Amino acid sequence: VQLQASGGGLAQAGESLRLSCAASGDIPKLNSMGWYRQAPGKQRELVAGITRAGTTKYGEFVEGRFTVSRDNVKNTVYLQMNSLKPEDTAVYYCVLARFISGFEESGSWGQGTLVTVSS
């Protein structure tokens, strides 16, 4: 499975960005997709995950600001990020696995896209 992320960039605090990640290759029919992020000097953390049926899970820090969605026909996952904060600055990685709980142990990972939020 190959994952290609796009949509990162520079935003000011309070603005919005939308990330996209398209999967290709031998994609399991049953799969979940999602996003992690890693800020400098910090551990990687789950941002959001979504099952093929649309069940979602978010990191606690999201606090309703981000929305994950997917297009099963296009095998693409999206992350709409609103009300961005400087602490959201990180490299964002998309991931695909059979289950959200399996992201870290058995996921296929994209190359990462940098999001920088200025105050």
C-alpha atoms as a PDB file:
ATOM      1  CA  VAL A   1       0.000   0.000   0.000  1.00  0.00           C
ATOM      2  CA  GLN A   2       1.262   3.468  -0.906  1.00  0.00           C
ATOM      3  CA  LEU A   3      -0.038   6.647   0.697  1.00  0.00           C
ATOM      4  CA  GLN A   4       0.432  10.113  -0.764  1.00  0.00           C
ATOM      5  CA  ALA A   5      -0.412  13.060   1.465  1.00  0.00           C
ATOM      6  CA  SER A   6      -0.895  16.648   0.413  1.00  0.00           C
ATOM      7  CA  GLY A   7      -2.304  19.914   1.681  1.00  0.00           C
ATOM      8  CA  GLY A   8       0.142  20.973   4.357  1.00  0.00           C
ATOM      9  CA  GLY A   9       1.555  24.443   4.508  1.00  0.00           C
ATOM     10  CA  LEU A  10       1.628  27.636   6.483  1.00  0.00           C
ATOM     11  CA  ALA A  11      -1.390  29.076   8.283  1.00  0.00           C
ATOM     12  CA  GLN A  12      -1.974  31.722  10.860  1.00  0.00           C
ATOM     13  CA  ALA A  13      -3.614  30.962  14.187  1.00  0.00           C
ATOM     14  CA  GLY A  14      -7.359  30.674  13.764  1.00  0.00           C
ATOM     15  CA  GLU A  15      -7.168  29.744  10.095  1.00  0.00           C
ATOM     16  CA  SER A  16      -7.979  26.428   8.439  1.00  0.00           C
ATOM     17  CA  LEU A  17      -6.148  23.844   6.394  1.00  0.00           C
ATOM     18  CA  ARG A  18      -7.313  20.651   4.700  1.00  0.00           C
ATOM     19  CA  LEU A  19      -5.097  17.642   4.304  1.00  0.00           C
ATOM     20  CA  SER A  20      -5.691  14.839   1.832  1.00  0.00           C
ATOM     21  CA  CYS A  21      -4.152  11.408   1.557  1.00  0.00           C
ATOM     22  CA  ALA A  22      -4.737   8.990  -1.300  1.00  0.00           C
ATOM     23  CA  ALA A  23      -4.041   5.285  -0.940  1.00  0.00           C
ATOM     24  CA  SER A  24      -3.063   3.026  -3.804  1.00  0.00           C
ATOM     25  CA  GLY A  25      -1.816  -0.485  -4.336  1.00  0.00           C
ATOM     26  CA  ASP A  26      -3.059  -3.645  -2.632  1.00  0.00           C
ATOM     27  CA  ILE A  27      -5.553  -2.032  -0.246  1.00  0.00           C
ATOM     28  CA  PRO A  28      -7.380  -4.346   2.160  1.00  0.00           C
ATOM     29  CA  LYS A  29     -11.119  -4.246   1.614  1.00  0.00           C
ATOM     30  CA  LEU A  30     -11.601  -3.816   5.362  1.00  0.00           C
ATOM     31  CA  ASN A  31      -9.493  -0.867   6.368  1.00  0.00           C
ATOM     32  CA  SER A  32      -9.279   2.215   8.487  1.00  0.00           C
ATOM     33  CA  MET A  33      -7.420   5.373   7.592  1.00  0.00           C
ATOM     34  CA  GLY A  34      -6.227   8.215   9.697  1.00  0.00           C
ATOM     35  CA  TRP A  35      -3.726  10.844  10.666  1.00  0.00           C
ATOM     36  CA  TYR A  36      -0.927  11.090  13.181  1.00  0.00           C
ATOM     37  CA  ARG A  37       1.306  14.022  13.867  1.00  0.00           C
ATOM     38  CA  GLN A  38       4.741  14.551  15.327  1.00  0.00           C
ATOM     39  CA  ALA A  39       5.979  17.886  16.559  1.00  0.00           C
ATOM     40  CA  PRO A  40       9.691  18.583  17.102  1.00  0.00           C
ATOM     41  CA  GLY A  41      10.869  16.918  20.294  1.00  0.00           C
ATOM     42  CA  LYS A  42       7.544  15.204  20.910  1.00  0.00           C
ATOM     43  CA  GLN A  43       6.166  11.738  20.416  1.00  0.00           C
ATOM     44  CA  ARG A  44       3.961  10.850  17.521  1.00  0.00           C
ATOM     45  CA  GLU A  45       0.278  11.079  18.455  1.00  0.00           C
ATOM     46  CA  LEU A  46      -3.026  10.100  16.920  1.00  0.00           C
ATOM     47  CA  VAL A  47      -4.948  12.996  15.420  1.00  0.00           C
ATOM     48  CA  ALA A  48      -7.918  11.136  13.968  1.00  0.00           C
ATOM     49  CA  GLY A  49      -8.934   7.811  12.510  1.00  0.00           C
ATOM     50  CA  ILE A  50     -11.930   6.684  10.511  1.00  0.00           C
ATOM     51  CA  THR A  51     -13.176   3.227   9.606  1.00  0.00           C
ATOM     52  CA  ARG A  52     -14.512   2.320   6.211  1.00  0.00           C
ATOM     53  CA  ALA A  53     -18.014   2.535   7.708  1.00  0.00           C
ATOM     54  CA  GLY A  54     -17.363   6.046   8.979  1.00  0.00           C
ATOM     55  CA  THR A  55     -16.747   5.491  12.677  1.00  0.00           C
ATOM     56  CA  THR A  56     -14.270   8.073  13.921  1.00  0.00           C
ATOM     57  CA  LYS A  57     -11.798   8.496  16.757  1.00  0.00           C
ATOM     58  CA  TYR A  58      -9.987  11.696  17.662  1.00  0.00           C
ATOM     59  CA  GLY A  59      -7.085  12.688  19.839  1.00  0.00           C
ATOM     60  CA  GLU A  60      -8.179  14.538  22.966  1.00  0.00           C
ATOM     61  CA  PHE A  61      -6.422  17.712  21.887  1.00  0.00           C
ATOM     62  CA  VAL A  62      -8.661  18.037  18.823  1.00  0.00           C
ATOM     63  CA  GLU A  63     -11.541  19.408  20.937  1.00  0.00           C
ATOM     64  CA  GLY A  64     -13.930  19.575  17.986  1.00  0.00           C
ATOM     65  CA  ARG A  65     -11.630  21.626  15.768  1.00  0.00           C
ATOM     66  CA  PHE A  66     -10.740  18.891  13.268  1.00  0.00           C
ATOM     67  CA  THR A  67     -12.937  16.629  11.172  1.00  0.00           C
ATOM     68  CA  VAL A  68     -11.775  13.437   9.500  1.00  0.00           C
ATOM     69  CA  SER A  69     -13.644  12.061   6.505  1.00  0.00           C
ATOM     70  CA  ARG A  70     -13.018   9.650   3.665  1.00  0.00           C
ATOM     71  CA  ASP A  71     -14.042   8.802   0.143  1.00  0.00           C
ATOM     72  CA  ASN A  72     -14.112   5.026  -0.181  1.00  0.00           C
ATOM     73  CA  VAL A  73     -14.311   5.163  -3.961  1.00  0.00           C
ATOM     74  CA  LYS A  74     -11.174   7.272  -4.196  1.00  0.00           C
ATOM     75  CA  ASN A  75      -9.479   5.532  -1.236  1.00  0.00           C
ATOM     76  CA  THR A  76      -8.753   8.973   0.130  1.00  0.00           C
ATOM     77  CA  VAL A  77      -8.877  10.324   3.670  1.00  0.00           C
ATOM     78  CA  TYR A  78      -9.213  13.992   4.517  1.00  0.00           C
ATOM     79  CA  LEU A  79      -8.495  16.061   7.592  1.00  0.00           C
ATOM     80  CA  GLN A  80     -10.234  19.413   7.842  1.00  0.00           C
ATOM     81  CA  MET A  81      -8.439  21.475  10.465  1.00  0.00           C
ATOM     82  CA  ASN A  82     -10.154  24.607  11.736  1.00  0.00           C
ATOM     83  CA  SER A  83      -9.217  27.083  14.448  1.00  0.00           C
ATOM     84  CA  LEU A  84      -5.571  26.139  14.107  1.00  0.00           C
ATOM     85  CA  LYS A  85      -3.219  26.891  16.971  1.00  0.00           C
ATOM     86  CA  PRO A  86       0.568  27.289  16.973  1.00  0.00           C
ATOM     87  CA  GLU A  87       0.780  24.038  18.946  1.00  0.00           C
ATOM     88  CA  ASP A  88      -0.730  22.231  15.955  1.00  0.00           C
ATOM     89  CA  THR A  89       2.563  22.776  14.149  1.00  0.00           C
ATOM     90  CA  ALA A  90       3.878  19.328  13.251  1.00  0.00           C
ATOM     91  CA  VAL A  91       4.505  16.885  10.468  1.00  0.00           C
ATOM     92  CA  TYR A  92       1.237  15.120   9.753  1.00  0.00           C
ATOM     93  CA  TYR A  93       1.320  11.517   8.574  1.00  0.00           C
ATOM     94  CA  CYS A  94      -1.500   9.536   7.069  1.00  0.00           C
ATOM     95  CA  VAL A  95      -1.832   5.876   7.901  1.00  0.00           C
ATOM     96  CA  LEU A  96      -3.865   2.879   6.769  1.00  0.00           C
ATOM     97  CA  ALA A  97      -4.464  -0.367   8.622  1.00  0.00           C
ATOM     98  CA  ARG A  98      -7.230  -2.890   9.044  1.00  0.00           C
ATOM     99  CA  PHE A  99      -8.296  -1.310  12.319  1.00  0.00           C
ATOM    100  CA  ILE A 100      -7.714   2.054  14.029  1.00  0.00           C
ATOM    101  CA  SER A 101      -6.215   0.149  16.959  1.00  0.00           C
ATOM    102  CA  GLY A 102      -3.672  -1.347  14.581  1.00  0.00           C
ATOM    103  CA  PHE A 103      -2.311   1.878  13.139  1.00  0.00           C
ATOM    104  CA  GLU A 104       0.924   1.855  15.092  1.00  0.00           C
ATOM    105  CA  GLU A 105       1.647  -1.875  14.984  1.00  0.00           C
ATOM    106  CA  SER A 106       0.770  -2.710  11.409  1.00  0.00           C
ATOM    107  CA  GLY A 107      -0.068   0.453   9.515  1.00  0.00           C
ATOM    108  CA  SER A 108       1.186   1.612   6.150  1.00  0.00           C
ATOM    109  CA  TRP A 109       2.429   5.183   6.403  1.00  0.00           C
ATOM    110  CA  GLY A 110       2.606   8.140   4.068  1.00  0.00           C
ATOM    111  CA  GLN A 111       5.598  10.434   3.741  1.00  0.00           C
ATOM    112  CA  GLY A 112       4.290  13.217   5.958  1.00  0.00           C
ATOM    113  CA  THR A 113       3.248  16.760   5.224  1.00  0.00           C
ATOM    114  CA  LEU A 114       4.373  19.751   7.264  1.00  0.00           C
ATOM    115  CA  VAL A 115       1.820  22.041   8.877  1.00  0.00           C
ATOM    116  CA  THR A 116       3.134  25.265  10.362  1.00  0.00           C
ATOM    117  CA  VAL A 117       0.863  27.565  12.330  1.00  0.00           C
ATOM    118  CA  SER A 118       2.095  31.027  13.199  1.00  0.00           C
ATOM    119  CA  SER A 119       0.728  33.144  16.030  1.00  0.00           C
END
